[in-house]
Amino acid sequence: MVYAEGLFVALSASTSPVSTSSIYTSPDGLVWTSRDDGSFPYLADLVHDGTSFFAVGSDAQNGLIIFQSEDGLVWSSASATPSQFLPYHITHGNGTFLMVGRNGSTFQDVVLTSEDAMTWTVQTLPVQNVFLQGAAFAGSTFLVVGQDSMNQ
C-alpha cells in the first residue's frame, strides 16, 4: 500500500483461475473503490515517486509489466525492459527506482535500477544465491534485504 497525493492505493491479488490483481483507492483508509476493469495481470508492488504512482507485476506473455497513474484513479500500462523479469518489490528515492525480483531466464534474484521506470539496468550484487525479499530507501541509501539460499 502507498499513501500519496491524499490517497491510499492498495493491491489485491488472486491466483484462481489465473493470476490477476485489482487496484483499490481510498481517501481515508475506510471506504475503498476498485480502479480496474479486470484487466490487470499479477501486480507485486506499488510505489510513488513524488509525481506518479507505479504498479509493477508480470504476466505470462510479457514478463515485466508496469502500470502508471498520475492520480491513482486512472491507470495505463507501459512496456518495460527487461521483459523476462518477475518483480517482488519496488522502491524509489533520490530520482532512482530500485526493484528486486527474479530473472525469468536464469531464475536468479536480481536488483534493477531505473531513472524512468521503463528502462532498467541490472546491478551486480556483492553476494550470490540470495532470495531477495525487499528494498527500501532512507536518506541517501538503498537497502536490499534477502535470505542466503545456501545457509538457510
C-alpha atoms as a PDB file:
ATOM      1  CA  MET A   1       0.000   0.000   0.000  1.00  0.00           C
ATOM      2  CA  VAL A   2       1.122   3.545  -0.766  1.00  0.00           C
ATOM      3  CA  TYR A   3      -0.154   6.878   0.540  1.00  0.00           C
ATOM      4  CA  ALA A   4       0.485   9.935  -1.649  1.00  0.00           C
ATOM      5  CA  GLU A   5      -1.440  12.834  -3.159  1.00  0.00           C
ATOM      6  CA  GLY A   6      -4.050  12.479  -0.373  1.00  0.00           C
ATOM      7  CA  LEU A   7      -4.893   8.946  -1.467  1.00  0.00           C
ATOM      8  CA  PHE A   8      -4.249   5.412  -0.227  1.00  0.00           C
ATOM      9  CA  VAL A   9      -3.570   2.978  -3.088  1.00  0.00           C
ATOM     10  CA  ALA A  10      -3.532  -0.776  -2.447  1.00  0.00           C
ATOM     11  CA  LEU A  11      -3.260  -4.029  -4.388  1.00  0.00           C
ATOM     12  CA  SER A  12      -5.255  -7.216  -4.069  1.00  0.00           C
ATOM     13  CA  ALA A  13      -4.177 -10.371  -5.899  1.00  0.00           C
ATOM     14  CA  SER A  14      -5.969 -13.542  -6.959  1.00  0.00           C
ATOM     15  CA  THR A  15      -4.387 -16.687  -8.349  1.00  0.00           C
ATOM     16  CA  SER A  16      -7.506 -18.593  -9.301  1.00  0.00           C
ATOM     17  CA  PRO A  17      -8.029 -19.498 -12.079  1.00  0.00           C
ATOM     18  CA  VAL A  18      -5.238 -17.193 -13.349  1.00  0.00           C
ATOM     19  CA  SER A  19      -3.055 -14.637 -11.588  1.00  0.00           C
ATOM     20  CA  THR A  20      -4.749 -11.240 -11.616  1.00  0.00           C
ATOM     21  CA  SER A  21      -4.753  -8.167  -9.411  1.00  0.00           C
ATOM     22  CA  SER A  22      -7.037  -5.316  -8.515  1.00  0.00           C
ATOM     23  CA  ILE A  23      -6.098  -1.774  -7.569  1.00  0.00           C
ATOM     24  CA  TYR A  24      -8.123  -0.041  -4.859  1.00  0.00           C
ATOM     25  CA  THR A  25      -8.036   3.571  -3.678  1.00  0.00           C
ATOM     26  CA  SER A  26      -9.307   5.341  -0.591  1.00  0.00           C
ATOM     27  CA  PRO A  27      -9.120   8.952   0.577  1.00  0.00           C
ATOM     28  CA  ASP A  28      -9.493   7.922   4.234  1.00  0.00           C
ATOM     29  CA  GLY A  29      -8.494   4.245   4.540  1.00  0.00           C
ATOM     30  CA  LEU A  30     -12.088   3.304   5.366  1.00  0.00           C
ATOM     31  CA  VAL A  31     -14.044   3.424   2.104  1.00  0.00           C
ATOM     32  CA  TRP A  32     -12.314   1.747  -0.864  1.00  0.00           C
ATOM     33  CA  THR A  33     -13.041   1.947  -4.607  1.00  0.00           C
ATOM     34  CA  SER A  34     -11.859  -0.546  -7.221  1.00  0.00           C
ATOM     35  CA  ARG A  35      -9.902   1.112 -10.035  1.00  0.00           C
ATOM     36  CA  ASP A  36      -9.760  -1.711 -12.543  1.00  0.00           C
ATOM     37  CA  ASP A  37     -11.858  -3.458 -15.104  1.00  0.00           C
ATOM     38  CA  GLY A  38     -10.342  -6.891 -14.525  1.00  0.00           C
ATOM     39  CA  SER A  39      -7.512  -6.265 -16.965  1.00  0.00           C
ATOM     40  CA  PHE A  40      -4.598  -6.152 -14.502  1.00  0.00           C
ATOM     41  CA  PRO A  41      -2.214  -9.109 -14.520  1.00  0.00           C
ATOM     42  CA  TYR A  42      -0.482 -10.143 -11.302  1.00  0.00           C
ATOM     43  CA  LEU A  43       0.858  -6.982  -9.609  1.00  0.00           C
ATOM     44  CA  ALA A  44       3.518  -7.379  -6.929  1.00  0.00           C
ATOM     45  CA  ASP A  45       4.056  -3.892  -5.531  1.00  0.00           C
ATOM     46  CA  LEU A  46       3.356  -0.151  -5.693  1.00  0.00           C
ATOM     47  CA  VAL A  47       5.485   2.970  -5.387  1.00  0.00           C
ATOM     48  CA  HIS A  48       5.011   6.728  -5.725  1.00  0.00           C
ATOM     49  CA  ASP A  49       7.916   8.824  -6.998  1.00  0.00           C
ATOM     50  CA  GLY A  50       6.579  12.234  -5.999  1.00  0.00           C
ATOM     51  CA  THR A  51       4.767  12.688  -9.306  1.00  0.00           C
ATOM     52  CA  SER A  52       3.111   9.392 -10.280  1.00  0.00           C
ATOM     53  CA  PHE A  53       2.062   6.040  -8.887  1.00  0.00           C
ATOM     54  CA  PHE A  54       3.639   2.902 -10.383  1.00  0.00           C
ATOM     55  CA  ALA A  55       2.414  -0.684 -10.028  1.00  0.00           C
ATOM     56  CA  VAL A  56       4.813  -3.451 -11.084  1.00  0.00           C
ATOM     57  CA  GLY A  57       3.999  -7.029 -11.912  1.00  0.00           C
ATOM     58  CA  SER A  58       4.309  -9.719 -14.516  1.00  0.00           C
ATOM     59  CA  ASP A  59       2.286 -11.778 -16.911  1.00  0.00           C
ATOM     60  CA  ALA A  60       2.998 -14.962 -18.838  1.00  0.00           C
ATOM     61  CA  GLN A  61       3.236 -13.253 -22.235  1.00  0.00           C
ATOM     62  CA  ASN A  62       5.194 -10.094 -21.484  1.00  0.00           C
ATOM     63  CA  GLY A  63       7.114 -10.762 -18.283  1.00  0.00           C
ATOM     64  CA  LEU A  64       7.662  -7.427 -16.537  1.00  0.00           C
ATOM     65  CA  ILE A  65       4.725  -5.080 -16.830  1.00  0.00           C
ATOM     66  CA  ILE A  66       4.309  -1.629 -15.324  1.00  0.00           C
ATOM     67  CA  PHE A  67       1.180   0.451 -14.847  1.00  0.00           C
ATOM     68  CA  GLN A  68       1.410   4.185 -14.222  1.00  0.00           C
ATOM     69  CA  SER A  69      -1.074   6.704 -12.840  1.00  0.00           C
ATOM     70  CA  GLU A  70      -0.674  10.395 -12.103  1.00  0.00           C
ATOM     71  CA  ASP A  71      -3.688  10.479  -9.773  1.00  0.00           C
ATOM     72  CA  GLY A  72      -4.099   6.852  -8.614  1.00  0.00           C
ATOM     73  CA  LEU A  73      -7.501   6.714 -10.298  1.00  0.00           C
ATOM     74  CA  VAL A  74      -6.764   6.163 -13.995  1.00  0.00           C
ATOM     75  CA  TRP A  75      -4.040   3.649 -14.867  1.00  0.00           C
ATOM     76  CA  SER A  76      -2.227   2.960 -18.133  1.00  0.00           C
ATOM     77  CA  SER A  77       0.173   0.167 -18.988  1.00  0.00           C
ATOM     78  CA  ALA A  78       3.665   0.756 -20.261  1.00  0.00           C
ATOM     79  CA  SER A  79       6.123  -1.671 -21.751  1.00  0.00           C
ATOM     80  CA  ALA A  80       9.346  -2.059 -19.852  1.00  0.00           C
ATOM     81  CA  THR A  81      12.664  -3.792 -20.310  1.00  0.00           C
ATOM     82  CA  PRO A  82      13.911  -6.343 -19.416  1.00  0.00           C
ATOM     83  CA  SER A  83      10.871  -8.395 -20.299  1.00  0.00           C
ATOM     84  CA  GLN A  84      11.889 -11.634 -18.581  1.00  0.00           C
ATOM     85  CA  PHE A  85      11.648 -10.320 -15.034  1.00  0.00           C
ATOM     86  CA  LEU A  86       9.333 -11.209 -12.166  1.00  0.00           C
ATOM     87  CA  PRO A  87       9.275  -8.313  -9.672  1.00  0.00           C
ATOM     88  CA  TYR A  88       8.882  -8.735  -5.919  1.00  0.00           C
ATOM     89  CA  HIS A  89       9.295  -5.193  -4.642  1.00  0.00           C
ATOM     90  CA  ILE A  90       9.905  -1.647  -5.911  1.00  0.00           C
ATOM     91  CA  THR A  91      11.047   1.486  -4.117  1.00  0.00           C
ATOM     92  CA  HIS A  92      12.070   4.992  -5.151  1.00  0.00           C
ATOM     93  CA  GLY A  93      14.494   7.568  -3.825  1.00  0.00           C
ATOM     94  CA  ASN A  94      16.648  10.440  -4.986  1.00  0.00           C
ATOM     95  CA  GLY A  95      15.346  10.195  -8.578  1.00  0.00           C
ATOM     96  CA  THR A  96      16.034   6.462  -8.911  1.00  0.00           C
ATOM     97  CA  PHE A  97      13.732   3.450  -8.895  1.00  0.00           C
ATOM     98  CA  LEU A  98      15.095   0.208  -7.453  1.00  0.00           C
ATOM     99  CA  MET A  99      13.345  -3.104  -7.987  1.00  0.00           C
ATOM    100  CA  VAL A 100      14.152  -6.578  -6.693  1.00  0.00           C
ATOM    101  CA  GLY A 101      12.890  -9.734  -8.323  1.00  0.00           C
ATOM    102  CA  ARG A 102      13.733 -12.838 -10.289  1.00  0.00           C
ATOM    103  CA  ASN A 103      15.278 -13.120 -13.730  1.00  0.00           C
ATOM    104  CA  GLY A 104      12.798 -15.256 -15.658  1.00  0.00           C
ATOM    105  CA  SER A 105      15.543 -16.809 -17.782  1.00  0.00           C
ATOM    106  CA  THR A 106      18.209 -17.676 -15.191  1.00  0.00           C
ATOM    107  CA  PHE A 107      15.892 -17.914 -12.157  1.00  0.00           C
ATOM    108  CA  GLN A 108      18.379 -15.858 -10.137  1.00  0.00           C
ATOM    109  CA  ASP A 109      17.198 -12.989  -7.955  1.00  0.00           C
ATOM    110  CA  VAL A 110      18.475  -9.636  -9.184  1.00  0.00           C
ATOM    111  CA  VAL A 111      18.374  -5.914  -8.429  1.00  0.00           C
ATOM    112  CA  LEU A 112      17.381  -3.484 -11.185  1.00  0.00           C
ATOM    113  CA  THR A 113      17.586   0.309 -11.218  1.00  0.00           C
ATOM    114  CA  SER A 114      15.944   2.884 -13.473  1.00  0.00           C
ATOM    115  CA  GLU A 115      15.613   6.650 -13.804  1.00  0.00           C
ATOM    116  CA  ASP A 116      12.252   6.463 -15.640  1.00  0.00           C
ATOM    117  CA  ALA A 117      10.679   3.136 -14.501  1.00  0.00           C
ATOM    118  CA  MET A 118      10.692   1.921 -18.113  1.00  0.00           C
ATOM    119  CA  THR A 119      14.308   1.046 -18.937  1.00  0.00           C
ATOM    120  CA  TRP A 120      16.037  -0.984 -16.233  1.00  0.00           C
ATOM    121  CA  THR A 121      19.690  -1.814 -15.584  1.00  0.00           C
ATOM    122  CA  VAL A 122      20.791  -4.973 -13.750  1.00  0.00           C
ATOM    123  CA  GLN A 123      23.022  -4.209 -10.767  1.00  0.00           C
ATOM    124  CA  THR A 124      25.788  -6.505  -9.554  1.00  0.00           C
ATOM    125  CA  LEU A 125      25.316  -7.772  -6.025  1.00  0.00           C
ATOM    126  CA  PRO A 126      28.238  -8.428  -3.665  1.00  0.00           C
ATOM    127  CA  VAL A 127      26.734 -11.849  -2.844  1.00  0.00           C
ATOM    128  CA  GLN A 128      25.204 -14.639  -4.931  1.00  0.00           C
ATOM    129  CA  ASN A 129      22.434 -17.189  -4.321  1.00  0.00           C
ATOM    130  CA  VAL A 130      20.249 -14.832  -2.307  1.00  0.00           C
ATOM    131  CA  PHE A 131      16.458 -14.859  -2.209  1.00  0.00           C
ATOM    132  CA  LEU A 132      15.740 -11.116  -2.336  1.00  0.00           C
ATOM    133  CA  GLN A 133      12.679 -10.113  -0.379  1.00  0.00           C
ATOM    134  CA  GLY A 134      12.504  -6.339  -0.174  1.00  0.00           C
ATOM    135  CA  ALA A 135      14.106  -2.948  -0.594  1.00  0.00           C
ATOM    136  CA  ALA A 136      13.866   0.476   0.988  1.00  0.00           C
ATOM    137  CA  PHE A 137      15.330   3.950   0.545  1.00  0.00           C
ATOM    138  CA  ALA A 138      16.412   6.033   3.528  1.00  0.00           C
ATOM    139  CA  GLY A 139      18.123   9.409   3.247  1.00  0.00           C
ATOM    140  CA  SER A 140      20.629   8.686   0.510  1.00  0.00           C
ATOM    141  CA  THR A 141      20.910   4.892   0.723  1.00  0.00           C
ATOM    142  CA  PHE A 142      19.056   1.957  -0.757  1.00  0.00           C
ATOM    143  CA  LEU A 143      18.842  -1.157   1.405  1.00  0.00           C
ATOM    144  CA  VAL A 144      18.069  -4.568  -0.113  1.00  0.00           C
ATOM    145  CA  VAL A 145      17.197  -7.495   2.126  1.00  0.00           C
ATOM    146  CA  GLY A 146      17.105 -11.185   1.427  1.00  0.00           C
ATOM    147  CA  GLN A 147      17.844 -14.657   2.649  1.00  0.00           C
ATOM    148  CA  ASP A 148      21.018 -16.635   1.962  1.00  0.00           C
ATOM    149  CA  SER A 149      19.779 -19.598  -0.077  1.00  0.00           C
ATOM    150  CA  MET A 150      22.880 -21.688   0.710  1.00  0.00           C
ATOM    151  CA  ASN A 151      22.806 -21.272   4.515  1.00  0.00           C
ATOM    152  CA  GLN A 152      19.172 -21.061   5.440  1.00  0.00           C
END
